[in-house]
Amino acid sequence: MPRGDGRLSHDLLPGEKGPQDACGVFGVWAPGEEVAKLTYFGLYALQHRGQESAGIAVSNGSQILVFKDMGLVSQVFDETSLGSLQGHIAVGHARYSTTGASVWENAQPTFRATAHGSIALGHNGNLVNTAELADLVAALPREGGRATQVAATNDTDLVTALLAGQVDEDGKPLTVEEATPRVLPQVKGAFSLCFMDEHTLYAARDPQGIRPLVLGRLERGWVVASETAALDICGASFIREIEPGEMVAIDENGLRSTRFAEARPKGCVFEYVYLARPDTDIAGRNVYLSRVEMGRKLAAEAPAEADLVIATPESGTPAAVGYAEASGIPYGSGLVKNSYVGRTFIQPSQTIRQLGIRLKLNPLKEVIRGKRLVVVDDSIVRGNTQRALVRMLREAGAEEIHIRISSPPIKWPCFFGIDFATRAELIANGLTVDEIGKSLGADSLAYISIDGMIEATTIAKPNLCRACFDGEYPMELPDPELLGKHLLESETAGVAKPDLDGVGTLTAGVGGADALRRP
């Protein structure tokens, strides 16, 4: 299973990673609007989906400029950089790496010159046939240098290269729009794509619709985003979801839709459990309401005699509210979260490791002392965080600690855009629930059932991917040696050696020189 080194607010211990999503994408077509700033605010709303790097590409109708760097959205962009990105089309991306290392070259949007101009592309998800796609890229015609490699080693760059380098039977280069029905059916895995050429904004979603992708309307244009919350931030009204297997193109002639594959819906249930913002709607269902209902069902399935229900903030809060409502046990704030402790580029020292969970959470001793607690969280991956939390609560005077989890035990890795852990590292793999509870030091531990979780989403069970819980993957997976985060970081995968300046060759097309400019 691919592993990354990014961290989200779910993570409480240095070195302990919770579930990590792949990315957030945002695109806008809006003549007369400040599209770079709209994209900046959209990415702000999607920051939870990726915290390693951020980037924005903008077209003014004649060239595409790309500005990207490592770090949070607020660290990458300022007034000067946003002011330099003038145009009427933009694509933005916030990245967490699932294929390819966390380096500048793998930041998105990716860029490629084409025979007709250029293309910039952002991707949320993870592909499972990267080795096959690398072979297809290696076989592309190299007339004019259009298929020349750059230093990127991620699956997104492969898709970008394929869209940029297609030719017809006579060897005539295809436009980006003409290339999509050829390329996208060959791409396997989870992909919600937002991409652009000089004149058109595109959005496409894999046939299973594993990751969300929505369409919104501005007064003078259109918006595409990973979540509806990003539409709200920039003042766009929600129109509909991009359908599984659909590609949408938006330009001066309006919006047009084409289907490149039959829809076979398998949306990720973990979006409802943890990944998506609570104020987002997915498939017509509000995420917050789903989480509250998970808490209610959890209370019915796993009652506990207790004095107070508390949450592991903030991901466990909605389910804790639901648990308290259904159980009749009062809900309270037993833990105070430091909102300013997020992802850091400082390597944890031994002192910081010893501080551990207290960097992010501190118990309200006056609230929990002498109480029997129900502690609600969204998931357990390795268990290190919960183990430290139990220890801290006992030190603060809790009489009993009953852990309740609003998702089933995670027993299988995800290959579609969530970086959990290797299967061997998952605490639920090989241990019973009672054994896990004893390992954590809790008085009791219980998880919601798979059916209870799914019922809370109101989505039909066959239409949800739940592979991390039951091992039933929505598509056939290749051999394990063809899956991996660093698969493309070898010459055998078709990645060119970097030039002396550290960046591979890219023939400058329209805007090519600007596309590789480091901030």
Protein backbone atom coordinates (compact mmCIF):
# COMPACT_ATOMS: atom_id res chain seq x y z
CA MET A 1 0.00 0.00 0.00
CA PRO A 2 1.34 3.46 -0.83
CA ARG A 3 2.44 5.49 2.14
CA GLY A 4 2.92 9.22 2.40
CA ASP A 5 4.40 11.60 4.91
CA GLY A 6 1.65 14.20 5.07
CA ARG A 7 -0.49 14.81 8.11
CA LEU A 8 -4.01 16.08 8.67
CA SER A 9 -5.73 17.43 11.77
CA HIS A 10 -6.99 13.91 12.50
CA ASP A 11 -3.44 12.93 13.45
CA LEU A 12 -2.59 13.47 17.06
CA LEU A 13 0.79 11.83 17.53
CA PRO A 14 3.99 12.63 15.65
CA GLY A 15 4.59 9.66 13.40
CA GLU A 16 0.96 8.51 13.69
CA LYS A 17 -0.95 9.12 10.48
CA GLY A 18 -4.70 8.88 10.31
CA PRO A 19 -6.63 8.59 7.07
CA GLN A 20 -5.19 10.90 4.41
CA ASP A 21 -7.11 11.90 1.33
CA ALA A 22 -5.43 12.35 -2.01
CA CYS A 23 -6.32 15.89 -3.10
CA GLY A 24 -8.82 18.64 -3.71
CA VAL A 25 -9.53 20.09 -7.16
CA PHE A 26 -11.20 23.33 -8.19
CA GLY A 27 -11.84 24.90 -11.57
CA VAL A 28 -13.58 28.03 -12.81
CA TRP A 29 -14.58 29.46 -16.18
CA ALA A 30 -15.75 33.03 -15.66
CA PRO A 31 -14.86 35.91 -18.01
CA GLY A 32 -14.70 39.17 -16.09
CA GLU A 33 -14.04 37.53 -12.73
CA GLU A 34 -10.80 37.30 -10.77
CA VAL A 35 -10.53 33.58 -11.40
CA ALA A 36 -7.20 33.13 -9.58
CA LYS A 37 -8.63 34.59 -6.37
CA LEU A 38 -11.82 32.55 -6.72
CA THR A 39 -9.66 29.46 -7.08
CA TYR A 40 -7.55 30.47 -4.09
CA PHE A 41 -10.67 30.70 -1.91
CA GLY A 42 -11.97 27.44 -3.35
CA LEU A 43 -8.72 25.69 -2.45
CA TYR A 44 -8.93 27.17 1.04
CA ALA A 45 -12.25 25.37 1.43
CA LEU A 46 -10.61 22.15 0.23
CA GLN A 47 -7.42 22.41 2.29
CA HIS A 48 -8.44 19.42 4.42
CA ARG A 49 -8.12 17.19 1.34
CA GLY A 50 -4.43 17.92 0.77
CA GLN A 51 -1.76 19.84 2.68
CA GLU A 52 1.54 19.01 0.98
CA SER A 53 1.43 21.39 -1.98
CA ALA A 54 -0.88 23.77 -3.79
CA GLY A 55 -1.07 25.23 -7.27
CA ILE A 56 -3.17 27.31 -9.64
CA ALA A 57 -3.11 27.42 -13.45
CA VAL A 58 -4.75 30.31 -15.31
CA SER A 59 -5.43 30.96 -19.00
CA ASN A 60 -6.10 34.33 -20.60
CA GLY A 61 -7.09 32.74 -23.90
CA SER A 62 -3.60 32.70 -25.40
CA GLN A 63 -1.38 31.05 -22.79
CA ILE A 64 -1.52 29.07 -19.55
CA LEU A 65 0.49 30.19 -16.53
CA VAL A 66 1.07 27.82 -13.60
CA PHE A 67 2.11 28.82 -10.09
CA LYS A 68 2.66 26.06 -7.52
CA ASP A 69 4.82 25.22 -4.53
CA MET A 70 5.08 23.04 -1.45
CA GLY A 71 2.97 23.99 1.55
CA LEU A 72 -0.51 25.10 2.48
CA VAL A 73 -2.62 27.29 0.21
CA SER A 74 -1.98 30.29 2.46
CA GLN A 75 1.78 29.64 2.35
CA VAL A 76 2.02 29.25 -1.42
CA PHE A 77 0.01 32.28 -2.57
CA ASP A 78 -0.05 35.97 -1.77
CA GLU A 79 -1.45 39.08 -3.44
CA THR A 80 1.52 39.34 -5.78
CA SER A 81 1.38 35.77 -7.05
CA LEU A 82 -2.40 35.84 -7.42
CA GLY A 83 -2.22 39.20 -9.17
CA SER A 84 0.16 37.77 -11.75
CA LEU A 85 -2.36 35.09 -12.72
CA GLN A 86 -4.70 36.97 -15.02
CA GLY A 87 -7.29 35.24 -17.18
CA HIS A 88 -10.79 33.82 -17.37
CA ILE A 89 -10.12 30.09 -16.80
CA ALA A 90 -8.40 28.57 -13.78
CA VAL A 91 -7.64 25.15 -12.35
CA GLY A 92 -6.49 24.75 -8.75
CA HIS A 93 -5.18 21.85 -6.72
CA ALA A 94 -4.30 21.01 -3.11
CA ARG A 95 -2.24 17.83 -2.93
CA TYR A 96 -1.63 14.93 -0.63
CA SER A 97 0.60 12.37 -2.33
CA THR A 98 -0.62 8.82 -2.97
CA THR A 99 1.47 8.11 -6.10
CA GLY A 100 4.79 9.94 -6.40
CA ALA A 101 6.92 11.56 -3.72
CA SER A 102 6.05 14.78 -1.94
CA VAL A 103 8.33 17.02 -4.01
CA TRP A 104 7.85 20.21 -6.04
CA GLU A 105 7.93 18.38 -9.37
CA ASN A 106 4.87 16.37 -8.33
CA ALA A 107 2.86 19.41 -7.24
CA GLN A 108 -0.20 20.06 -9.37
CA PRO A 109 -1.69 21.22 -11.68
CA THR A 110 0.59 19.30 -14.02
CA PHE A 111 1.42 20.98 -17.32
CA ARG A 112 2.12 19.75 -20.85
CA ALA A 113 2.63 21.44 -24.18
CA THR A 114 0.42 20.18 -27.00
CA ALA A 115 0.37 20.65 -30.77
CA HIS A 116 -2.50 23.11 -30.28
CA GLY A 117 -1.24 24.91 -27.18
CA SER A 118 -1.00 23.38 -23.72
CA ILE A 119 -2.89 21.59 -20.96
CA ALA A 120 -2.92 21.92 -17.16
CA LEU A 121 -4.55 19.24 -15.03
CA GLY A 122 -5.45 18.53 -11.39
CA HIS A 123 -6.45 15.11 -10.08
CA ASN A 124 -8.20 13.83 -6.96
CA GLY A 125 -7.96 10.07 -6.52
CA ASN A 126 -5.42 7.37 -7.26
CA LEU A 127 -4.89 5.17 -10.31
CA VAL A 128 -4.23 1.44 -10.20
CA ASN A 129 -2.81 0.93 -13.71
CA THR A 130 0.07 3.41 -13.61
CA ALA A 131 2.54 0.89 -15.04
CA GLU A 132 0.28 0.35 -18.05
CA LEU A 133 -0.21 4.10 -18.50
CA ALA A 134 3.55 4.66 -18.30
CA ASP A 135 3.99 2.22 -21.20
CA LEU A 136 1.36 4.12 -23.20
CA VAL A 137 3.17 7.40 -22.55
CA ALA A 138 6.48 5.87 -23.61
CA ALA A 139 4.86 4.83 -26.91
CA LEU A 140 3.53 8.31 -27.74
CA PRO A 141 4.92 9.97 -30.89
CA ARG A 142 7.60 12.49 -30.05
CA GLU A 143 7.25 14.85 -32.99
CA GLY A 144 8.07 18.34 -31.85
CA GLY A 145 9.05 17.01 -28.42
CA ARG A 146 5.49 17.06 -27.15
CA ALA A 147 5.80 13.77 -25.25
CA THR A 148 9.14 14.65 -23.67
CA GLN A 149 9.22 13.74 -19.99
CA VAL A 150 9.48 16.17 -17.13
CA ALA A 151 10.67 15.33 -13.63
CA ALA A 152 7.20 14.49 -12.29
CA THR A 153 6.70 10.93 -11.08
CA ASN A 154 2.98 10.80 -10.36
CA ASP A 155 0.03 9.16 -12.05
CA THR A 156 -1.48 12.56 -12.84
CA ASP A 157 1.38 13.47 -15.16
CA LEU A 158 0.81 10.26 -17.11
CA VAL A 159 -2.81 11.21 -17.79
CA THR A 160 -1.73 14.74 -18.72
CA ALA A 161 0.85 13.38 -21.16
CA LEU A 162 -1.66 11.03 -22.76
CA LEU A 163 -4.21 13.81 -23.23
CA ALA A 164 -1.52 16.06 -24.71
CA GLY A 165 0.04 13.58 -27.11
CA GLN A 166 -2.77 11.78 -28.95
CA VAL A 167 -2.81 11.61 -32.76
CA ASP A 168 -5.36 10.23 -35.21
CA GLU A 169 -4.84 7.40 -37.72
CA ASP A 170 -3.07 9.79 -40.09
CA GLY A 171 -0.73 11.07 -37.40
CA LYS A 172 -2.56 14.38 -37.02
CA PRO A 173 -2.43 15.67 -33.41
CA LEU A 174 -5.76 15.66 -31.61
CA THR A 175 -7.05 18.48 -29.45
CA VAL A 176 -7.47 17.89 -25.73
CA GLU A 177 -11.22 17.48 -26.14
CA GLU A 178 -10.76 15.02 -29.00
CA ALA A 179 -8.26 13.02 -26.94
CA THR A 180 -10.47 12.50 -23.89
CA PRO A 181 -12.73 9.74 -25.30
CA ARG A 182 -9.58 7.84 -26.28
CA VAL A 183 -7.62 8.33 -23.08
CA LEU A 184 -10.11 8.26 -20.21
CA PRO A 185 -11.50 4.75 -20.91
CA GLN A 186 -7.93 3.46 -20.52
CA VAL A 187 -7.49 5.02 -17.07
CA LYS A 188 -8.31 2.67 -14.18
CA GLY A 189 -8.85 3.68 -10.59
CA ALA A 190 -10.35 6.70 -8.87
CA PHE A 191 -10.13 10.00 -10.70
CA SER A 192 -11.96 13.27 -10.41
CA LEU A 193 -10.17 15.45 -12.94
CA CYS A 194 -10.27 19.19 -13.50
CA PHE A 195 -8.22 20.35 -16.48
CA MET A 196 -7.98 23.09 -19.08
CA ASP A 197 -6.49 24.20 -22.33
CA GLU A 198 -6.25 27.84 -23.40
CA HIS A 199 -9.96 28.12 -24.17
CA THR A 200 -11.89 25.41 -22.32
CA LEU A 201 -12.41 24.10 -18.79
CA TYR A 202 -12.94 20.34 -18.47
CA ALA A 203 -14.09 18.05 -15.67
CA ALA A 204 -14.26 14.26 -15.69
CA ARG A 205 -15.06 11.54 -13.17
CA ASP A 206 -14.22 7.83 -13.18
CA PRO A 207 -17.03 5.36 -14.03
CA GLN A 208 -17.38 4.37 -10.37
CA GLY A 209 -17.54 7.97 -9.15
CA ILE A 210 -15.34 7.01 -6.20
CA ARG A 211 -14.30 10.59 -5.38
CA PRO A 212 -16.82 13.44 -5.41
CA LEU A 213 -16.93 16.14 -8.11
CA VAL A 214 -19.60 18.82 -8.43
CA LEU A 215 -20.69 21.53 -10.84
CA GLY A 216 -21.70 25.02 -9.76
CA ARG A 217 -22.94 28.22 -11.41
CA LEU A 218 -21.69 31.75 -11.01
CA GLU A 219 -23.51 34.79 -12.35
CA ARG A 220 -20.89 35.04 -15.11
CA GLY A 221 -19.54 31.54 -15.30
CA TRP A 222 -19.16 28.00 -14.01
CA VAL A 223 -17.29 26.28 -11.19
CA VAL A 224 -16.14 22.68 -10.70
CA ALA A 225 -15.01 21.46 -7.27
CA SER A 226 -14.33 18.37 -5.18
CA GLU A 227 -16.97 19.39 -2.64
CA THR A 228 -20.07 21.58 -2.49
CA ALA A 229 -18.52 23.50 0.42
CA ALA A 230 -16.04 25.02 -2.05
CA LEU A 231 -18.96 26.26 -4.16
CA ASP A 232 -20.44 27.95 -1.10
CA ILE A 233 -17.18 29.74 -0.32
CA CYS A 234 -16.96 31.39 -3.74
CA GLY A 235 -20.67 32.20 -4.01
CA ALA A 236 -21.55 29.61 -6.64
CA SER A 237 -24.88 27.79 -6.64
CA PHE A 238 -24.85 24.00 -6.77
CA ILE A 239 -26.17 22.64 -10.08
CA ARG A 240 -25.43 18.91 -9.98
CA GLU A 241 -22.71 16.31 -9.58
CA ILE A 242 -20.45 15.39 -12.46
CA GLU A 243 -21.78 11.92 -13.19
CA PRO A 244 -19.58 8.81 -13.04
CA GLY A 245 -18.15 8.23 -16.52
CA GLU A 246 -18.98 11.78 -17.65
CA MET A 247 -16.82 14.56 -19.05
CA VAL A 248 -18.01 18.16 -19.07
CA ALA A 249 -16.49 20.90 -21.24
CA ILE A 250 -17.15 24.60 -20.64
CA ASP A 251 -16.21 27.44 -23.00
CA GLU A 252 -17.70 30.50 -24.70
CA ASN A 253 -20.24 28.25 -26.42
CA GLY A 254 -21.60 27.04 -23.09
CA LEU A 255 -21.53 23.68 -21.34
CA ARG A 256 -21.54 20.33 -23.13
CA SER A 257 -21.49 16.85 -21.68
CA THR A 258 -20.19 13.59 -23.12
CA ARG A 259 -20.03 10.10 -21.66
CA PHE A 260 -16.80 8.13 -22.02
CA ALA A 261 -17.91 5.11 -19.96
CA GLU A 262 -21.02 3.53 -18.51
CA ALA A 263 -21.73 4.62 -14.93
CA ARG A 264 -21.14 1.96 -12.26
CA PRO A 265 -21.51 3.99 -9.05
CA LYS A 266 -19.27 3.04 -6.14
CA GLY A 267 -18.82 6.23 -4.15
CA CYS A 268 -16.39 6.10 -1.24
CA VAL A 269 -18.29 5.64 2.02
CA PHE A 270 -15.33 7.05 3.96
CA GLU A 271 -16.09 10.47 2.49
CA TYR A 272 -19.17 10.42 4.74
CA VAL A 273 -17.25 9.03 7.72
CA TYR A 274 -14.30 11.42 7.76
CA LEU A 275 -12.82 12.80 4.54
CA ALA A 276 -15.36 15.37 3.37
CA ARG A 277 -16.20 18.57 5.21
CA PRO A 278 -19.34 18.24 7.35
CA ASP A 279 -20.97 21.10 5.42
CA THR A 280 -20.61 19.24 2.12
CA ASP A 281 -23.39 17.34 0.34
CA ILE A 282 -22.52 14.13 -1.54
CA ALA A 283 -25.06 12.37 -3.75
CA GLY A 284 -27.79 14.51 -2.24
CA ARG A 285 -26.92 13.63 1.35
CA ASN A 286 -25.44 16.11 3.83
CA VAL A 287 -22.25 14.78 5.40
CA TYR A 288 -22.91 16.25 8.85
CA LEU A 289 -26.35 14.66 9.04
CA SER A 290 -24.85 11.33 7.98
CA ARG A 291 -22.30 11.51 10.79
CA VAL A 292 -24.91 12.43 13.38
CA GLU A 293 -27.03 9.50 12.24
CA MET A 294 -23.99 7.21 12.49
CA GLY A 295 -23.73 8.28 16.11
CA ARG A 296 -27.40 7.53 16.73
CA LYS A 297 -27.10 4.08 15.21
CA LEU A 298 -23.89 3.47 17.14
CA ALA A 299 -25.72 4.25 20.40
CA ALA A 300 -28.43 1.74 19.50
CA GLU A 301 -25.93 -0.94 18.52
CA ALA A 302 -23.39 -0.36 21.30
CA PRO A 303 -24.95 1.24 24.40
CA ALA A 304 -22.87 2.10 27.44
CA GLU A 305 -23.61 3.14 31.01
CA ALA A 306 -21.91 6.47 31.33
CA ASP A 307 -22.21 10.01 32.67
CA LEU A 308 -20.91 11.99 29.70
CA VAL A 309 -20.39 11.67 25.94
CA ILE A 310 -17.35 13.47 24.55
CA ALA A 311 -15.81 13.58 21.09
CA THR A 312 -12.29 13.40 19.79
CA PRO A 313 -12.41 16.84 18.15
CA GLU A 314 -13.26 17.65 15.59
CA SER A 315 -13.83 14.64 13.38
CA GLY A 316 -15.72 12.73 16.06
CA THR A 317 -18.02 15.59 17.09
CA PRO A 318 -21.09 14.98 14.86
CA ALA A 319 -21.22 11.28 15.74
CA ALA A 320 -20.82 12.13 19.44
CA VAL A 321 -23.78 14.51 19.18
CA GLY A 322 -25.85 11.73 17.62
CA TYR A 323 -24.74 9.21 20.24
CA ALA A 324 -25.74 11.57 23.05
CA GLU A 325 -29.13 12.29 21.46
CA ALA A 326 -29.99 8.62 21.03
CA SER A 327 -28.60 7.43 24.37
CA GLY A 328 -29.89 10.23 26.56
CA ILE A 329 -26.41 10.67 28.03
CA PRO A 330 -25.39 14.34 28.19
CA TYR A 331 -22.93 15.59 25.59
CA GLY A 332 -20.04 17.72 26.77
CA SER A 333 -16.69 19.14 25.75
CA GLY A 334 -14.07 17.09 27.52
CA LEU A 335 -11.14 17.92 25.29
CA VAL A 336 -9.80 21.28 24.13
CA LYS A 337 -8.11 21.28 20.74
CA ASN A 338 -5.25 23.58 19.79
CA SER A 339 -6.40 24.79 16.38
CA TYR A 340 -2.95 26.09 15.49
CA VAL A 341 -1.18 22.75 15.62
CA GLY A 342 -1.45 21.44 12.10
CA ARG A 343 0.95 20.11 9.55
CA THR A 344 4.52 21.16 10.23
CA PHE A 345 7.77 20.92 8.31
CA ILE A 346 9.68 20.71 11.59
CA GLN A 347 10.90 17.19 12.26
CA PRO A 348 9.58 15.99 15.63
CA SER A 349 12.30 15.83 18.26
CA GLN A 350 12.27 13.36 21.13
CA THR A 351 10.82 16.07 23.37
CA ILE A 352 7.93 16.65 20.98
CA ARG A 353 7.32 12.92 20.70
CA GLN A 354 7.07 12.74 24.47
CA LEU A 355 4.52 15.54 24.46
CA GLY A 356 2.57 13.48 21.96
CA ILE A 357 -1.16 13.97 22.05
CA ARG A 358 -0.94 17.00 24.36
CA LEU A 359 0.32 19.07 21.44
CA LYS A 360 -3.19 18.98 20.04
CA LEU A 361 -5.58 18.03 22.83
CA ASN A 362 -5.83 18.89 26.50
CA PRO A 363 -8.46 17.45 28.84
CA LEU A 364 -10.87 19.61 30.79
CA LYS A 365 -10.13 18.00 34.14
CA GLU A 366 -13.01 19.71 35.91
CA VAL A 367 -15.45 18.25 33.38
CA ILE A 368 -14.21 14.66 33.19
CA ARG A 369 -12.89 14.01 36.71
CA GLY A 370 -14.81 11.15 38.31
CA LYS A 371 -16.96 10.64 35.21
CA ARG A 372 -17.73 7.51 33.22
CA LEU A 373 -17.00 8.64 29.67
CA VAL A 374 -18.15 7.58 26.22
CA VAL A 375 -15.43 8.80 23.84
CA VAL A 376 -16.61 8.92 20.22
CA ASP A 377 -14.19 8.98 17.28
CA ASP A 378 -14.65 8.42 13.55
CA SER A 379 -12.09 5.64 13.02
CA ILE A 380 -9.10 3.75 14.35
CA VAL A 381 -6.14 3.08 12.06
CA ARG A 382 -3.11 1.96 14.08
CA GLY A 383 -4.53 2.74 17.51
CA ASN A 384 -1.60 4.79 18.80
CA THR A 385 -3.65 7.97 19.07
CA GLN A 386 -6.52 6.36 20.95
CA ARG A 387 -4.10 4.56 23.29
CA ALA A 388 -2.45 7.85 24.22
CA LEU A 389 -5.84 9.53 24.59
CA VAL A 390 -7.08 6.88 27.01
CA ARG A 391 -3.94 7.28 29.09
CA MET A 392 -4.35 11.06 29.18
CA LEU A 393 -8.02 10.87 30.19
CA ARG A 394 -7.24 8.46 33.00
CA GLU A 395 -4.53 10.79 34.27
CA ALA A 396 -7.14 13.56 34.23
CA GLY A 397 -9.39 11.53 36.53
CA ALA A 398 -11.84 9.70 34.25
CA GLU A 399 -13.43 6.81 36.14
CA GLU A 400 -14.32 4.71 33.07
CA ILE A 401 -13.58 5.12 29.36
CA HIS A 402 -15.81 3.51 26.75
CA ILE A 403 -14.60 4.08 23.19
CA ARG A 404 -17.21 4.11 20.42
CA ILE A 405 -16.19 4.32 16.76
CA SER A 406 -18.60 5.56 14.07
CA SER A 407 -17.08 3.37 11.35
CA PRO A 408 -16.41 -0.39 11.27
CA PRO A 409 -12.91 -1.80 11.84
CA ILE A 410 -10.54 -0.82 9.01
CA LYS A 411 -8.99 -4.10 7.85
CA TRP A 412 -7.96 -3.43 4.26
CA PRO A 413 -5.83 -0.77 2.54
CA CYS A 414 -7.28 1.70 0.06
CA PHE A 415 -5.91 1.97 -3.48
CA PHE A 416 -8.25 4.76 -4.57
CA GLY A 417 -6.98 7.89 -2.87
CA ILE A 418 -6.86 7.33 0.91
CA ASP A 419 -3.52 6.64 2.53
CA PHE A 420 -4.40 4.55 5.60
CA ALA A 421 -1.42 2.26 6.24
CA THR A 422 -0.14 -1.10 5.15
CA ARG A 423 -2.46 -3.95 6.05
CA ALA A 424 0.05 -5.22 8.59
CA GLU A 425 -0.12 -1.86 10.42
CA LEU A 426 -3.92 -1.80 10.71
CA ILE A 427 -4.74 -2.67 14.31
CA ALA A 428 -8.03 -4.35 13.33
CA ASN A 429 -6.21 -6.81 11.08
CA GLY A 430 -5.67 -9.89 13.23
CA LEU A 431 -7.18 -8.68 16.50
CA THR A 432 -10.73 -9.03 17.82
CA VAL A 433 -12.61 -5.97 19.01
CA ASP A 434 -12.09 -7.01 22.64
CA GLU A 435 -8.37 -7.46 22.03
CA ILE A 436 -8.15 -4.01 20.43
CA GLY A 437 -10.00 -2.50 23.40
CA LYS A 438 -7.56 -4.09 25.84
CA SER A 439 -4.64 -2.89 23.72
CA LEU A 440 -5.97 0.66 23.95
CA GLY A 441 -6.54 0.42 27.70
CA ALA A 442 -10.27 1.17 27.39
CA ASP A 443 -12.98 -0.30 29.61
CA SER A 444 -14.90 -1.18 26.46
CA LEU A 445 -14.66 -0.68 22.70
CA ALA A 446 -17.35 -0.97 20.05
CA TYR A 447 -17.65 -0.10 16.37
CA ILE A 448 -20.73 0.63 14.29
CA SER A 449 -21.75 -2.16 11.91
CA ILE A 450 -21.17 -1.85 8.18
CA ASP A 451 -24.91 -1.86 7.56
CA GLY A 452 -25.50 0.76 10.24
CA MET A 453 -22.89 3.05 8.73
CA ILE A 454 -24.29 2.62 5.23
CA GLU A 455 -27.89 3.20 6.35
CA ALA A 456 -26.79 6.50 7.89
CA THR A 457 -25.68 7.74 4.47
CA THR A 458 -29.08 6.87 2.89
CA ILE A 459 -27.13 5.61 -0.15
CA ALA A 460 -27.85 2.11 -1.44
CA LYS A 461 -25.21 -0.39 -0.31
CA PRO A 462 -24.33 -1.58 -3.86
CA ASN A 463 -23.52 2.04 -4.81
CA LEU A 464 -20.84 2.52 -2.14
CA CYS A 465 -17.22 1.39 -2.04
CA ARG A 466 -16.58 -0.07 1.41
CA ALA A 467 -13.44 -2.04 0.55
CA CYS A 468 -11.42 -0.77 3.52
CA PHE A 469 -13.99 -2.43 5.77
CA ASP A 470 -14.92 -5.63 3.91
CA GLY A 471 -12.18 -6.13 1.29
CA GLU A 472 -14.61 -6.00 -1.64
CA TYR A 473 -12.83 -3.70 -4.09
CA PRO A 474 -14.91 -2.04 -6.83
CA MET A 475 -12.56 -3.17 -9.60
CA GLU A 476 -9.89 -5.75 -10.27
CA LEU A 477 -6.49 -4.76 -8.93
CA PRO A 478 -3.16 -5.48 -10.65
CA ASP A 479 -0.34 -7.48 -9.08
CA PRO A 480 0.98 -5.92 -5.85
CA GLU A 481 4.33 -5.08 -7.45
CA LEU A 482 2.45 -2.82 -9.89
CA LEU A 483 0.92 -0.81 -7.05
CA GLY A 484 2.95 1.59 -4.97
CA LYS A 485 3.58 5.20 -4.20
CA HIS A 486 7.06 5.30 -5.76
CA LEU A 487 6.36 3.02 -8.72
CA LEU A 488 7.11 5.75 -11.25
CA GLU A 489 10.34 6.90 -9.62
CA SER A 490 12.52 4.53 -11.61
CA GLU A 491 13.79 4.57 -15.15
CA THR A 492 12.04 1.27 -15.83
CA ALA A 493 8.72 3.05 -15.47
CA GLY A 494 9.62 5.40 -18.31
CA VAL A 495 10.67 8.42 -16.30
CA ALA A 496 13.47 10.38 -17.90
CA LYS A 497 16.57 11.33 -16.00
CA PRO A 498 16.50 14.95 -14.91
CA ASP A 499 18.66 17.38 -16.81
CA LEU A 500 21.61 19.06 -15.17
CA ASP A 501 19.38 21.77 -13.77
CA GLY A 502 17.22 19.15 -12.05
CA VAL A 503 14.20 19.58 -14.30
CA GLY A 504 13.46 17.30 -17.21
CA THR A 505 13.03 18.64 -20.71
CA LEU A 506 9.79 20.33 -21.65
CA THR A 507 9.51 21.89 -25.06
CA ALA A 508 8.04 25.34 -24.63
CA GLY A 509 4.65 25.51 -26.25
CA VAL A 510 2.12 28.18 -25.47
CA GLY A 511 3.10 29.34 -22.00
CA GLY A 512 5.60 26.52 -21.61
CA ALA A 513 8.36 28.62 -20.11
CA ASP A 514 6.07 30.12 -17.49
CA ALA A 515 4.60 26.74 -16.60
CA LEU A 516 7.86 25.52 -15.08
CA ARG A 517 8.65 28.69 -13.16
CA ARG A 518 9.23 28.02 -9.51
CA PRO A 519 7.62 30.58 -7.21
